[in-house]
PDB file of N, CA and C in Angstrom:
ATOM      1  N   UNK A   1     349.635 131.780 110.085  1.00  0.00           N
ATOM      2  CA  UNK A   1     349.044 132.978 109.566  1.00  0.00           C
ATOM      3  C   UNK A   1     348.946 134.010 110.686  1.00  0.00           C
ATOM      4  N   UNK A   2     349.384 135.222 110.416  1.00  0.00           N
ATOM      5  CA  UNK A   2     349.282 136.313 111.379  1.00  0.00           C
ATOM      6  C   UNK A   2     347.830 136.755 111.488  1.00  0.00           C
ATOM      7  N   UNK A   3     347.389 137.008 112.711  1.00  0.00           N
ATOM      8  CA  UNK A   3     346.054 137.564 112.899  1.00  0.00           C
ATOM      9  C   UNK A   3     346.057 138.515 114.071  1.00  0.00           C
ATOM     10  N   UNK A   4     345.085 139.379 114.112  1.00  0.00           N
ATOM     11  CA  UNK A   4     344.903 140.329 115.213  1.00  0.00           C
ATOM     12  C   UNK A   4     343.526 140.101 115.792  1.00  0.00           C
ATOM     13  N   UNK A   5     343.476 139.655 117.034  1.00  0.00           N
ATOM     14  CA  UNK A   5     342.199 139.348 117.655  1.00  0.00           C
ATOM     15  C   UNK A   5     341.447 138.242 116.936  1.00  0.00           C
ATOM     16  N   UNK A   6     342.185 137.375 116.238  1.00  0.00           N
ATOM     17  CA  UNK A   6     341.575 136.282 115.490  1.00  0.00           C
ATOM     18  C   UNK A   6     341.172 136.661 114.074  1.00  0.00           C
ATOM     19  N   UNK A   7     341.255 137.954 113.727  1.00  0.00           N
ATOM     20  CA  UNK A   7     340.845 138.409 112.404  1.00  0.00           C
ATOM     21  C   UNK A   7     342.021 138.632 111.469  1.00  0.00           C
ATOM     22  N   UNK A   8     341.758 138.490 110.182  1.00  0.00           N
ATOM     23  CA  UNK A   8     342.793 138.675 109.162  1.00  0.00           C
ATOM     24  C   UNK A   8     342.348 139.639 108.059  1.00  0.00           C
ATOM     25  N   UNK A   9     341.324 140.435 108.316  1.00  0.00           N
ATOM     26  CA  UNK A   9     340.750 141.303 107.295  1.00  0.00           C
ATOM     27  C   UNK A   9     341.791 142.257 106.711  1.00  0.00           C
ATOM     28  N   UNK A  10     342.018 142.132 105.409  1.00  0.00           N
ATOM     29  CA  UNK A  10     342.891 143.048 104.682  1.00  0.00           C
ATOM     30  C   UNK A  10     344.376 142.821 104.828  1.00  0.00           C
ATOM     31  N   UNK A  11     344.804 141.826 105.589  1.00  0.00           N
ATOM     32  CA  UNK A  11     346.244 141.574 105.745  1.00  0.00           C
ATOM     33  C   UNK A  11     346.784 140.997 104.442  1.00  0.00           C
ATOM     34  N   UNK A  12     347.872 141.617 103.944  1.00  0.00           N
ATOM     35  CA  UNK A  12     348.548 141.100 102.755  1.00  0.00           C
ATOM     36  C   UNK A  12     350.039 141.014 103.034  1.00  0.00           C
ATOM     37  N   UNK A  13     350.708 140.137 102.291  1.00  0.00           N
ATOM     38  CA  UNK A  13     352.106 139.813 102.536  1.00  0.00           C
ATOM     39  C   UNK A  13     352.916 139.873 101.242  1.00  0.00           C
ATOM     40  N   UNK A  14     354.190 140.226 101.370  1.00  0.00           N
ATOM     41  CA  UNK A  14     355.121 139.977 100.269  1.00  0.00           C
ATOM     42  C   UNK A  14     355.879 138.694 100.559  1.00  0.00           C
ATOM     43  N   UNK A  15     355.973 138.331 101.848  1.00  0.00           N
ATOM     44  CA  UNK A  15     356.586 137.070 102.262  1.00  0.00           C
ATOM     45  C   UNK A  15     355.721 136.441 103.344  1.00  0.00           C
ATOM     46  N   UNK A  16     355.426 135.164 103.191  1.00  0.00           N
ATOM     47  CA  UNK A  16     354.707 134.404 104.213  1.00  0.00           C
ATOM     48  C   UNK A  16     355.149 132.957 104.052  1.00  0.00           C
ATOM     49  N   UNK A  17     356.219 132.595 104.743  1.00  0.00           N
ATOM     50  CA  UNK A  17     356.757 131.247 104.607  1.00  0.00           C
ATOM     51  C   UNK A  17     356.932 130.600 105.964  1.00  0.00           C
ATOM     52  N   UNK A  18     356.914 129.298 105.951  1.00  0.00           N
ATOM     53  CA  UNK A  18     357.172 128.523 107.150  1.00  0.00           C
ATOM     54  C   UNK A  18     357.764 127.176 106.778  1.00  0.00           C
ATOM     55  N   UNK A  19     358.676 126.727 107.605  1.00  0.00           N
ATOM     56  CA  UNK A  19     359.276 125.401 107.427  1.00  0.00           C
ATOM     57  C   UNK A  19     359.324 124.729 108.787  1.00  0.00           C
ATOM     58  N   UNK A  20     359.285 123.405 108.775  1.00  0.00           N
ATOM     59  CA  UNK A  20     359.422 122.685 110.036  1.00  0.00           C
ATOM     60  C   UNK A  20     360.096 121.343 109.805  1.00  0.00           C
ATOM     61  N   UNK A  21     360.668 120.821 110.885  1.00  0.00           N
ATOM     62  CA  UNK A  21     361.263 119.495 110.918  1.00  0.00           C
ATOM     63  C   UNK A  21     360.825 118.887 112.229  1.00  0.00           C
ATOM     64  N   UNK A  22     360.278 117.678 112.185  1.00  0.00           N
ATOM     65  CA  UNK A  22     359.864 116.983 113.408  1.00  0.00           C
ATOM     66  C   UNK A  22     360.802 115.813 113.629  1.00  0.00           C
ATOM     67  N   UNK A  23     361.422 115.801 114.785  1.00  0.00           N
ATOM     68  CA  UNK A  23     362.319 114.716 115.171  1.00  0.00           C
ATOM     69  C   UNK A  23     361.810 114.191 116.512  1.00  0.00           C
ATOM     70  N   UNK A  24     361.221 113.017 116.494  1.00  0.00           N
ATOM     71  CA  UNK A  24     360.616 112.482 117.712  1.00  0.00           C
ATOM     72  C   UNK A  24     359.535 113.435 118.204  1.00  0.00           C
ATOM     73  N   UNK A  25     359.566 113.802 119.503  1.00  0.00           N
ATOM     74  CA  UNK A  25     358.538 114.683 120.040  1.00  0.00           C
ATOM     75  C   UNK A  25     358.876 116.171 119.922  1.00  0.00           C
ATOM     76  N   UNK A  26     359.920 116.518 119.150  1.00  0.00           N
ATOM     77  CA  UNK A  26     360.349 117.913 119.047  1.00  0.00           C
ATOM     78  C   UNK A  26     360.103 118.429 117.631  1.00  0.00           C
ATOM     79  N   UNK A  27     359.486 119.604 117.541  1.00  0.00           N
ATOM     80  CA  UNK A  27     359.249 120.265 116.262  1.00  0.00           C
ATOM     81  C   UNK A  27     360.122 121.512 116.198  1.00  0.00           C
ATOM     82  N   UNK A  28     360.963 121.581 115.181  1.00  0.00           N
ATOM     83  CA  UNK A  28     361.795 122.753 114.913  1.00  0.00           C
ATOM     84  C   UNK A  28     361.106 123.529 113.798  1.00  0.00           C
ATOM     85  N   UNK A  29     361.052 124.852 113.912  1.00  0.00           N
ATOM     86  CA  UNK A  29     360.322 125.610 112.904  1.00  0.00           C
ATOM     87  C   UNK A  29     360.968 126.966 112.629  1.00  0.00           C
ATOM     88  N   UNK A  30     360.621 127.518 111.468  1.00  0.00           N
ATOM     89  CA  UNK A  30     361.014 128.860 111.083  1.00  0.00           C
ATOM     90  C   UNK A  30     359.827 129.499 110.375  1.00  0.00           C
ATOM     91  N   UNK A  31     359.473 130.701 110.803  1.00  0.00           N
ATOM     92  CA  UNK A  31     358.384 131.464 110.209  1.00  0.00           C
ATOM     93  C   UNK A  31     358.941 132.810 109.771  1.00  0.00           C
ATOM     94  N   UNK A  32     358.671 133.218 108.542  1.00  0.00           N
ATOM     95  CA  UNK A  32     359.063 134.544 108.045  1.00  0.00           C
ATOM     96  C   UNK A  32     357.847 135.226 107.445  1.00  0.00           C
ATOM     97  N   UNK A  33     357.617 136.460 107.868  1.00  0.00           N
ATOM     98  CA  UNK A  33     356.483 137.236 107.378  1.00  0.00           C
ATOM     99  C   UNK A  33     356.970 138.653 107.066  1.00  0.00           C
ATOM    100  N   UNK A  34     356.614 139.152 105.899  1.00  0.00           N
ATOM    101  CA  UNK A  34     356.794 140.560 105.576  1.00  0.00           C
ATOM    102  C   UNK A  34     355.437 141.080 105.125  1.00  0.00           C
ATOM    103  N   UNK A  35     354.925 142.053 105.857  1.00  0.00           N
ATOM    104  CA  UNK A  35     353.614 142.610 105.525  1.00  0.00           C
ATOM    105  C   UNK A  35     353.725 143.658 104.427  1.00  0.00           C
ATOM    106  N   UNK A  36     352.704 143.724 103.592  1.00  0.00           N
ATOM    107  CA  UNK A  36     352.535 144.856 102.682  1.00  0.00           C
ATOM    108  C   UNK A  36     351.333 145.689 103.116  1.00  0.00           C
ATOM    109  N   UNK A  37     350.453 145.076 103.931  1.00  0.00           N
ATOM    110  CA  UNK A  37     349.329 145.787 104.514  1.00  0.00           C
ATOM    111  C   UNK A  37     348.919 145.034 105.775  1.00  0.00           C
ATOM    112  N   UNK A  38     348.889 145.726 106.909  1.00  0.00           N
ATOM    113  CA  UNK A  38     348.521 145.051 108.159  1.00  0.00           C
ATOM    114  C   UNK A  38     347.030 144.854 108.314  1.00  0.00           C
ATOM    115  N   UNK A  39     346.257 145.411 107.403  1.00  0.00           N
ATOM    116  CA  UNK A  39     344.823 145.203 107.422  1.00  0.00           C
ATOM    117  C   UNK A  39     344.114 146.027 108.475  1.00  0.00           C
ATOM    118  N   UNK A  40     342.844 145.698 108.701  1.00  0.00           N
ATOM    119  CA  UNK A  40     342.014 146.487 109.608  1.00  0.00           C
ATOM    120  C   UNK A  40     341.571 145.728 110.858  1.00  0.00           C
ATOM    121  N   UNK A  41     341.953 144.470 111.002  1.00  0.00           N
ATOM    122  CA  UNK A  41     341.589 143.723 112.209  1.00  0.00           C
ATOM    123  C   UNK A  41     342.339 144.300 113.412  1.00  0.00           C
ATOM    124  N   UNK A  42     341.750 144.208 114.573  1.00  0.00           N
ATOM    125  CA  UNK A  42     342.357 144.731 115.789  1.00  0.00           C
ATOM    126  C   UNK A  42     342.433 143.644 116.850  1.00  0.00           C
ATOM    127  N   UNK A  43     343.281 143.873 117.838  1.00  0.00           N
ATOM    128  CA  UNK A  43     343.388 142.946 118.950  1.00  0.00           C
ATOM    129  C   UNK A  43     344.756 142.314 119.040  1.00  0.00           C
ATOM    130  N   UNK A  44     344.836 141.270 119.846  1.00  0.00           N
ATOM    131  CA  UNK A  44     346.098 140.584 120.138  1.00  0.00           C
ATOM    132  C   UNK A  44     346.715 139.972 118.889  1.00  0.00           C
ATOM    133  N   UNK A  45     348.048 140.087 118.780  1.00  0.00           N
ATOM    134  CA  UNK A  45     348.785 139.534 117.639  1.00  0.00           C
ATOM    135  C   UNK A  45     349.165 138.087 117.918  1.00  0.00           C
ATOM    136  N   UNK A  46     348.785 137.204 117.014  1.00  0.00           N
ATOM    137  CA  UNK A  46     349.108 135.778 117.114  1.00  0.00           C
ATOM    138  C   UNK A  46     349.477 135.245 115.736  1.00  0.00           C
ATOM    139  N   UNK A  47     350.212 134.156 115.736  1.00  0.00           N
ATOM    140  CA  UNK A  47     350.466 133.421 114.503  1.00  0.00           C
ATOM    141  C   UNK A  47     349.892 132.030 114.708  1.00  0.00           C
ATOM    142  N   UNK A  48     348.959 131.664 113.839  1.00  0.00           N
ATOM    143  CA  UNK A  48     348.317 130.361 113.943  1.00  0.00           C
ATOM    144  C   UNK A  48     348.826 129.436 112.844  1.00  0.00           C
ATOM    145  N   UNK A  49     348.553 128.160 113.008  1.00  0.00           N
ATOM    146  CA  UNK A  49     348.858 127.202 111.954  1.00  0.00           C
ATOM    147  C   UNK A  49     350.191 126.505 112.075  1.00  0.00           C
ATOM    148  N   UNK A  50     350.772 126.468 113.285  1.00  0.00           N
ATOM    149  CA  UNK A  50     351.977 125.652 113.440  1.00  0.00           C
ATOM    150  C   UNK A  50     351.614 124.209 113.097  1.00  0.00           C
ATOM    151  N   UNK A  51     352.572 123.412 112.648  1.00  0.00           N
ATOM    152  CA  UNK A  51     352.232 122.107 112.073  1.00  0.00           C
ATOM    153  C   UNK A  51     351.705 121.062 113.047  1.00  0.00           C
ATOM    154  N   UNK A  52     351.999 121.203 114.346  1.00  0.00           N
ATOM    155  CA  UNK A  52     351.546 120.227 115.339  1.00  0.00           C
ATOM    156  C   UNK A  52     351.096 120.969 116.590  1.00  0.00           C
ATOM    157  N   UNK A  53     350.187 120.367 117.332  1.00  0.00           N
ATOM    158  CA  UNK A  53     349.744 120.926 118.602  1.00  0.00           C
ATOM    159  C   UNK A  53     350.829 120.732 119.649  1.00  0.00           C
ATOM    160  N   UNK A  54     351.082 121.786 120.420  1.00  0.00           N
ATOM    161  CA  UNK A  54     352.119 121.713 121.452  1.00  0.00           C
ATOM    162  C   UNK A  54     351.689 120.814 122.602  1.00  0.00           C
ATOM    163  N   UNK A  55     352.665 120.343 123.351  1.00  0.00           N
ATOM    164  CA  UNK A  55     352.389 119.570 124.564  1.00  0.00           C
ATOM    165  C   UNK A  55     351.584 120.445 125.521  1.00  0.00           C
ATOM    166  N   UNK A  56     350.872 119.842 126.424  1.00  0.00           N
ATOM    167  CA  UNK A  56     350.009 120.577 127.337  1.00  0.00           C
ATOM    168  C   UNK A  56     350.770 121.499 128.277  1.00  0.00           C
ATOM    169  N   UNK A  57     352.084 121.278 128.472  1.00  0.00           N
ATOM    170  CA  UNK A  57     352.845 122.152 129.369  1.00  0.00           C
ATOM    171  C   UNK A  57     353.278 123.443 128.678  1.00  0.00           C
ATOM    172  N   UNK A  58     353.131 123.530 127.366  1.00  0.00           N
ATOM    173  CA  UNK A  58     353.443 124.753 126.640  1.00  0.00           C
ATOM    174  C   UNK A  58     354.925 125.084 126.584  1.00  0.00           C
ATOM    175  N   UNK A  59     355.804 124.141 126.908  1.00  0.00           N
ATOM    176  CA  UNK A  59     357.233 124.424 126.900  1.00  0.00           C
ATOM    177  C   UNK A  59     357.691 124.793 125.501  1.00  0.00           C
ATOM    178  N   UNK A  60     358.588 125.764 125.439  1.00  0.00           N
ATOM    179  CA  UNK A  60     359.070 126.208 124.142  1.00  0.00           C
ATOM    180  C   UNK A  60     360.479 126.757 124.281  1.00  0.00           C
ATOM    181  N   UNK A  61     361.138 126.905 123.155  1.00  0.00           N
ATOM    182  CA  UNK A  61     362.439 127.562 123.115  1.00  0.00           C
ATOM    183  C   UNK A  61     362.576 128.233 121.768  1.00  0.00           C
ATOM    184  N   UNK A  62     362.982 129.490 121.760  1.00  0.00           N
ATOM    185  CA  UNK A  62     363.186 130.201 120.511  1.00  0.00           C
ATOM    186  C   UNK A  62     364.633 130.608 120.386  1.00  0.00           C
ATOM    187  N   UNK A  63     365.207 130.291 119.241  1.00  0.00           N
ATOM    188  CA  UNK A  63     366.611 130.596 118.993  1.00  0.00           C
ATOM    189  C   UNK A  63     366.822 132.030 118.553  1.00  0.00           C
ATOM    190  N   UNK A  64     365.917 132.577 117.768  1.00  0.00           N
ATOM    191  CA  UNK A  64     366.060 133.955 117.324  1.00  0.00           C
ATOM    192  C   UNK A  64     364.698 134.551 117.041  1.00  0.00           C
ATOM    193  N   UNK A  65     364.594 135.826 117.297  1.00  0.00           N
ATOM    194  CA  UNK A  65     363.356 136.555 117.068  1.00  0.00           C
ATOM    195  C   UNK A  65     363.708 137.888 116.426  1.00  0.00           C
ATOM    196  N   UNK A  66     362.916 138.341 115.513  1.00  0.00           N
ATOM    197  CA  UNK A  66     363.156 139.651 114.922  1.00  0.00           C
ATOM    198  C   UNK A  66     362.511 140.734 115.777  1.00  0.00           C
ATOM    199  N   UNK A  67     362.735 141.960 115.409  1.00  0.00           N
ATOM    200  CA  UNK A  67     362.129 143.085 116.111  1.00  0.00           C
ATOM    201  C   UNK A  67     360.877 143.537 115.378  1.00  0.00           C
ATOM    202  N   UNK A  68     359.838 143.758 116.124  1.00  0.00           N
ATOM    203  CA  UNK A  68     358.609 144.288 115.563  1.00  0.00           C
ATOM    204  C   UNK A  68     358.839 145.761 115.215  1.00  0.00           C
ATOM    205  N   UNK A  69     358.120 146.267 114.249  1.00  0.00           N
ATOM    206  CA  UNK A  69     358.316 147.641 113.785  1.00  0.00           C
ATOM    207  C   UNK A  69     358.147 148.663 114.910  1.00  0.00           C
ATOM    208  N   UNK A  70     357.236 148.458 115.826  1.00  0.00           N
ATOM    209  CA  UNK A  70     356.968 149.448 116.862  1.00  0.00           C
ATOM    210  C   UNK A  70     356.656 148.742 118.180  1.00  0.00           C
ATOM    211  N   UNK A  71     357.665 148.596 119.028  1.00  0.00           N
ATOM    212  CA  UNK A  71     357.446 147.980 120.329  1.00  0.00           C
ATOM    213  C   UNK A  71     356.794 148.982 121.273  1.00  0.00           C
ATOM    214  N   UNK A  72     355.988 148.512 122.230  1.00  0.00           N
ATOM    215  CA  UNK A  72     355.395 149.424 123.202  1.00  0.00           C
ATOM    216  C   UNK A  72     356.474 150.181 123.976  1.00  0.00           C
ATOM    217  N   UNK A  73     356.134 151.359 124.461  1.00  0.00           N
ATOM    218  CA  UNK A  73     357.076 152.190 125.219  1.00  0.00           C
ATOM    219  C   UNK A  73     357.679 151.407 126.377  1.00  0.00           C
ATOM    220  N   UNK A  74     358.927 151.637 126.655  1.00  0.00           N
ATOM    221  CA  UNK A  74     359.711 151.055 127.757  1.00  0.00           C
ATOM    222  C   UNK A  74     359.906 149.540 127.642  1.00  0.00           C
ATOM    223  N   UNK A  75     359.741 148.970 126.452  1.00  0.00           N
ATOM    224  CA  UNK A  75     360.025 147.557 126.281  1.00  0.00           C
ATOM    225  C   UNK A  75     361.381 147.384 125.626  1.00  0.00           C
ATOM    226  N   UNK A  76     361.997 146.265 125.899  1.00  0.00           N
ATOM    227  CA  UNK A  76     363.355 146.041 125.425  1.00  0.00           C
ATOM    228  C   UNK A  76     363.487 144.871 124.469  1.00  0.00           C
ATOM    229  N   UNK A  77     362.522 143.985 124.456  1.00  0.00           N
ATOM    230  CA  UNK A  77     362.645 142.843 123.560  1.00  0.00           C
ATOM    231  C   UNK A  77     361.303 142.254 123.188  1.00  0.00           C
ATOM    232  N   UNK A  78     361.312 141.611 122.056  1.00  0.00           N
ATOM    233  CA  UNK A  78     360.159 140.912 121.510  1.00  0.00           C
ATOM    234  C   UNK A  78     360.201 139.471 122.009  1.00  0.00           C
ATOM    235  N   UNK A  79     359.056 138.866 122.258  1.00  0.00           N
ATOM    236  CA  UNK A  79     359.023 137.448 122.606  1.00  0.00           C
ATOM    237  C   UNK A  79     357.829 136.784 121.948  1.00  0.00           C
ATOM    238  N   UNK A  80     357.892 135.475 121.895  1.00  0.00           N
ATOM    239  CA  UNK A  80     356.782 134.674 121.404  1.00  0.00           C
ATOM    240  C   UNK A  80     356.755 133.392 122.224  1.00  0.00           C
ATOM    241  N   UNK A  81     355.581 132.883 122.476  1.00  0.00           N
ATOM    242  CA  UNK A  81     355.476 131.597 123.145  1.00  0.00           C
ATOM    243  C   UNK A  81     354.319 130.817 122.542  1.00  0.00           C
ATOM    244  N   UNK A  82     354.382 129.517 122.721  1.00  0.00           N
ATOM    245  CA  UNK A  82     353.318 128.654 122.235  1.00  0.00           C
ATOM    246  C   UNK A  82     352.377 128.377 123.393  1.00  0.00           C
ATOM    247  N   UNK A  83     351.140 128.743 123.207  1.00  0.00           N
ATOM    248  CA  UNK A  83     350.145 128.462 124.231  1.00  0.00           C
ATOM    249  C   UNK A  83     350.021 126.946 124.393  1.00  0.00           C
ATOM    250  N   UNK A  84     349.867 126.456 125.628  1.00  0.00           N
ATOM    251  CA  UNK A  84     349.772 125.010 125.856  1.00  0.00           C
ATOM    252  C   UNK A  84     348.635 124.374 125.064  1.00  0.00           C
ATOM    253  N   UNK A  85     348.923 123.209 124.501  1.00  0.00           N
ATOM    254  CA  UNK A  85     347.941 122.394 123.780  1.00  0.00           C
ATOM    255  C   UNK A  85     347.301 123.142 122.610  1.00  0.00           C
ATOM    256  N   UNK A  86     348.094 123.978 121.924  1.00  0.00           N
ATOM    257  CA  UNK A  86     347.608 124.694 120.743  1.00  0.00           C
ATOM    258  C   UNK A  86     348.668 124.631 119.648  1.00  0.00           C
ATOM    259  N   UNK A  87     348.358 125.235 118.526  1.00  0.00           N
ATOM    260  CA  UNK A  87     349.340 125.418 117.458  1.00  0.00           C
ATOM    261  C   UNK A  87     349.442 126.911 117.141  1.00  0.00           C
ATOM    262  N   UNK A  88     349.405 127.726 118.214  1.00  0.00           N
ATOM    263  CA  UNK A  88     349.386 129.184 118.100  1.00  0.00           C
ATOM    264  C   UNK A  88     350.564 129.817 118.818  1.00  0.00           C
ATOM    265  N   UNK A  89     351.268 130.721 118.126  1.00  0.00           N
ATOM    266  CA  UNK A  89     352.302 131.546 118.743  1.00  0.00           C
ATOM    267  C   UNK A  89     351.653 132.843 119.215  1.00  0.00           C
ATOM    268  N   UNK A  90     351.866 133.188 120.472  1.00  0.00           N
ATOM    269  CA  UNK A  90     351.382 134.438 121.042  1.00  0.00           C
ATOM    270  C   UNK A  90     352.563 135.406 121.025  1.00  0.00           C
ATOM    271  N   UNK A  91     352.371 136.617 120.512  1.00  0.00           N
ATOM    272  CA  UNK A  91     353.446 137.588 120.370  1.00  0.00           C
ATOM    273  C   UNK A  91     353.356 138.651 121.441  1.00  0.00           C
ATOM    274  N   UNK A  92     354.508 139.015 122.013  1.00  0.00           N
ATOM    275  CA  UNK A  92     354.519 140.023 123.063  1.00  0.00           C
ATOM    276  C   UNK A  92     355.834 140.757 123.126  1.00  0.00           C
ATOM    277  N   UNK A  93     355.922 141.669 124.095  1.00  0.00           N
ATOM    278  CA  UNK A  93     357.135 142.449 124.329  1.00  0.00           C
ATOM    279  C   UNK A  93     357.358 142.528 125.827  1.00  0.00           C
ATOM    280  N   UNK A  94     358.622 142.635 126.213  1.00  0.00           N
ATOM    281  CA  UNK A  94     358.965 142.686 127.628  1.00  0.00           C
ATOM    282  C   UNK A  94     359.902 143.854 127.889  1.00  0.00           C
ATOM    283  N   UNK A  95     359.645 144.542 128.985  1.00  0.00           N
ATOM    284  CA  UNK A  95     360.509 145.631 129.430  1.00  0.00           C
ATOM    285  C   UNK A  95     361.198 145.242 130.712  1.00  0.00           C
ATOM    286  N   UNK A  96     361.782 146.216 131.388  1.00  0.00           N
ATOM    287  CA  UNK A  96     362.505 145.923 132.615  1.00  0.00           C
ATOM    288  C   UNK A  96     361.595 145.418 133.719  1.00  0.00           C
ATOM    289  N   UNK A  97     360.328 145.810 133.703  1.00  0.00           N
ATOM    290  CA  UNK A  97     359.437 145.396 134.781  1.00  0.00           C
ATOM    291  C   UNK A  97     358.075 144.923 134.298  1.00  0.00           C
ATOM    292  N   UNK A  98     357.868 144.821 133.004  1.00  0.00           N
ATOM    293  CA  UNK A  98     356.532 144.457 132.542  1.00  0.00           C
ATOM    294  C   UNK A  98     356.578 143.617 131.282  1.00  0.00           C
ATOM    295  N   UNK A  99     355.500 142.897 131.068  1.00  0.00           N
ATOM    296  CA  UNK A  99     355.280 142.162 129.825  1.00  0.00           C
ATOM    297  C   UNK A  99     353.949 142.629 129.265  1.00  0.00           C
ATOM    298  N   UNK A 100     353.882 142.725 127.969  1.00  0.00           N
ATOM    299  CA  UNK A 100     352.632 143.125 127.346  1.00  0.00           C
ATOM    300  C   UNK A 100     352.454 142.380 126.033  1.00  0.00           C
ATOM    301  N   UNK A 101     351.243 141.991 125.749  1.00  0.00           N
ATOM    302  CA  UNK A 101     350.966 141.359 124.472  1.00  0.00           C
ATOM    303  C   UNK A 101     350.991 142.388 123.360  1.00  0.00           C
ATOM    304  N   UNK A 102     351.476 141.989 122.195  1.00  0.00           N
ATOM    305  CA  UNK A 102     351.466 142.889 121.056  1.00  0.00           C
ATOM    306  C   UNK A 102     350.092 142.878 120.400  1.00  0.00           C
ATOM    307  N   UNK A 103     349.744 144.001 119.788  1.00  0.00           N
ATOM    308  CA  UNK A 103     348.480 144.138 119.080  1.00  0.00           C
ATOM    309  C   UNK A 103     348.740 144.697 117.687  1.00  0.00           C
ATOM    310  N   UNK A 104     347.674 144.887 116.946  1.00  0.00           N
ATOM    311  CA  UNK A 104     347.786 145.472 115.611  1.00  0.00           C
ATOM    312  C   UNK A 104     348.491 146.832 115.641  1.00  0.00           C
ATOM    313  N   UNK A 105     348.387 147.565 116.739  1.00  0.00           N
ATOM    314  CA  UNK A 105     349.008 148.891 116.841  1.00  0.00           C
ATOM    315  C   UNK A 105     350.533 148.823 116.802  1.00  0.00           C
ATOM    316  N   UNK A 106     351.111 147.670 117.097  1.00  0.00           N
ATOM    317  CA  UNK A 106     352.563 147.511 117.091  1.00  0.00           C
ATOM    318  C   UNK A 106     353.117 147.127 115.724  1.00  0.00           C
ATOM    319  N   UNK A 107     352.250 146.979 114.736  1.00  0.00           N
ATOM    320  CA  UNK A 107     352.658 146.561 113.408  1.00  0.00           C
ATOM    321  C   UNK A 107     352.458 147.692 112.413  1.00  0.00           C
ATOM    322  N   UNK A 108     353.303 147.705 111.388  1.00  0.00           N
ATOM    323  CA  UNK A 108     353.183 148.666 110.290  1.00  0.00           C
ATOM    324  C   UNK A 108     352.923 147.894 109.001  1.00  0.00           C
ATOM    325  N   UNK A 109     352.628 148.612 107.940  1.00  0.00           N
ATOM    326  CA  UNK A 109     352.365 147.969 106.656  1.00  0.00           C
ATOM    327  C   UNK A 109     353.603 147.310 106.050  1.00  0.00           C
ATOM    328  N   UNK A 110     354.782 147.535 106.630  1.00  0.00           N
ATOM    329  CA  UNK A 110     356.014 146.929 106.115  1.00  0.00           C
ATOM    330  C   UNK A 110     356.753 146.122 107.182  1.00  0.00           C
ATOM    331  N   UNK A 111     356.064 145.712 108.226  1.00  0.00           N
ATOM    332  CA  UNK A 111     356.704 144.956 109.304  1.00  0.00           C
ATOM    333  C   UNK A 111     357.272 143.638 108.780  1.00  0.00           C
ATOM    334  N   UNK A 112     358.500 143.349 109.198  1.00  0.00           N
ATOM    335  CA  UNK A 112     359.158 142.083 108.879  1.00  0.00           C
ATOM    336  C   UNK A 112     359.319 141.318 110.176  1.00  0.00           C
ATOM    337  N   UNK A 113     359.008 140.042 110.155  1.00  0.00           N
ATOM    338  CA  UNK A 113     359.028 139.222 111.356  1.00  0.00           C
ATOM    339  C   UNK A 113     359.596 137.850 111.026  1.00  0.00           C
ATOM    340  N   UNK A 114     360.590 137.412 111.797  1.00  0.00           N
ATOM    341  CA  UNK A 114     361.128 136.060 111.669  1.00  0.00           C
ATOM    342  C   UNK A 114     361.172 135.436 113.050  1.00  0.00           C
ATOM    343  N   UNK A 115     360.685 134.229 113.149  1.00  0.00           N
ATOM    344  CA  UNK A 115     360.736 133.484 114.422  1.00  0.00           C
ATOM    345  C   UNK A 115     361.281 132.091 114.115  1.00  0.00           C
ATOM    346  N   UNK A 116     362.303 131.704 114.851  1.00  0.00           N
ATOM    347  CA  UNK A 116     362.888 130.377 114.726  1.00  0.00           C
ATOM    348  C   UNK A 116     362.933 129.755 116.103  1.00  0.00           C
ATOM    349  N   UNK A 117     362.516 128.512 116.215  1.00  0.00           N
ATOM    350  CA  UNK A 117     362.546 127.877 117.523  1.00  0.00           C
ATOM    351  C   UNK A 117     362.125 126.422 117.464  1.00  0.00           C
ATOM    352  N   UNK A 118     361.834 125.890 118.637  1.00  0.00           N
ATOM    353  CA  UNK A 118     361.359 124.525 118.708  1.00  0.00           C
ATOM    354  C   UNK A 118     360.424 124.366 119.882  1.00  0.00           C
ATOM    355  N   UNK A 119     359.614 123.314 119.821  1.00  0.00           N
ATOM    356  CA  UNK A 119     358.682 123.015 120.918  1.00  0.00           C
ATOM    357  C   UNK A 119     358.408 121.522 120.946  1.00  0.00           C
ATOM    358  N   UNK A 120     357.853 121.065 122.085  1.00  0.00           N
ATOM    359  CA  UNK A 120     357.544 119.659 122.262  1.00  0.00           C
ATOM    360  C   UNK A 120     356.083 119.396 121.946  1.00  0.00           C
ATOM    361  N   UNK A 121     355.825 118.216 121.418  1.00  0.00           N
ATOM    362  CA  UNK A 121     354.455 117.779 121.165  1.00  0.00           C
ATOM    363  C   UNK A 121     354.156 116.576 122.056  1.00  0.00           C
ATOM    364  N   UNK A 122     352.888 116.306 122.253  1.00  0.00           N
ATOM    365  CA  UNK A 122     352.494 115.176 123.103  1.00  0.00           C
ATOM    366  C   UNK A 122     352.691 113.862 122.398  1.00  0.00           C
TER     367      UNK A 122
END
């Protein structure tokens, strides 16, 4: 579930799907979200509710990521990582010399987001 600063007030979706496959200690997943309203919550953008808690080292690999509707100025790509020992994806953007976490301000009422990747579990 997408949240901003841990809140989900007013967020609505036309698409909110997730699939996963666990093979041994590796979880492969796909998340697709299309917003119809980003709601009124503010703060850092995260996706919670991955099916398993990640290994404590937080290692991850993402095969493909979509573009957020509005990346911060001077950024070139979207990224996501799994915080160690959690089931939360942290969303951010990276430029030539900086990284910044995404917030509610980077999303629009029609933002489409797809994340596909895998991670290790303990």
